[in-house]
């Protein structure tokens, strides 16, 4: 009987370790995709090299969920630029099928899935 209990405990421990390793790997990938805040520079020439935010002429897209993938191309296999944050505002640039090309506040362009669970388009 004791050997059976030890084997079950060992199996449970192995499952727990695998689960923790999986969650840790996911969390590290999410953290890598989340942008770091820009470092403020004190020289006036620093602003000349920074991207200019796009003119807010198109409809606004509001992100409804944390971690929404901001992708390099309009495809689920497209590389993730970063994870978007809930409440983040984007500018709609174009649409391709079920994907929207958007631009963030820093001027970075990318693609998001046009799913009403993930985002809301606010017409101007």
Foldseek 3Di string as FASTA:
>chain_A
DVVVVVVVVVVVVVVVVVVVVVVVVVVVVQVVQADDDDDDDDDPVVVVPFADFDDQPAWKKFWQAWQFFFFADPDPPGDGNHTDGHGFIWGFDQDDVQKTWTAGRRRDIGIGGNDVNTIDTGGD
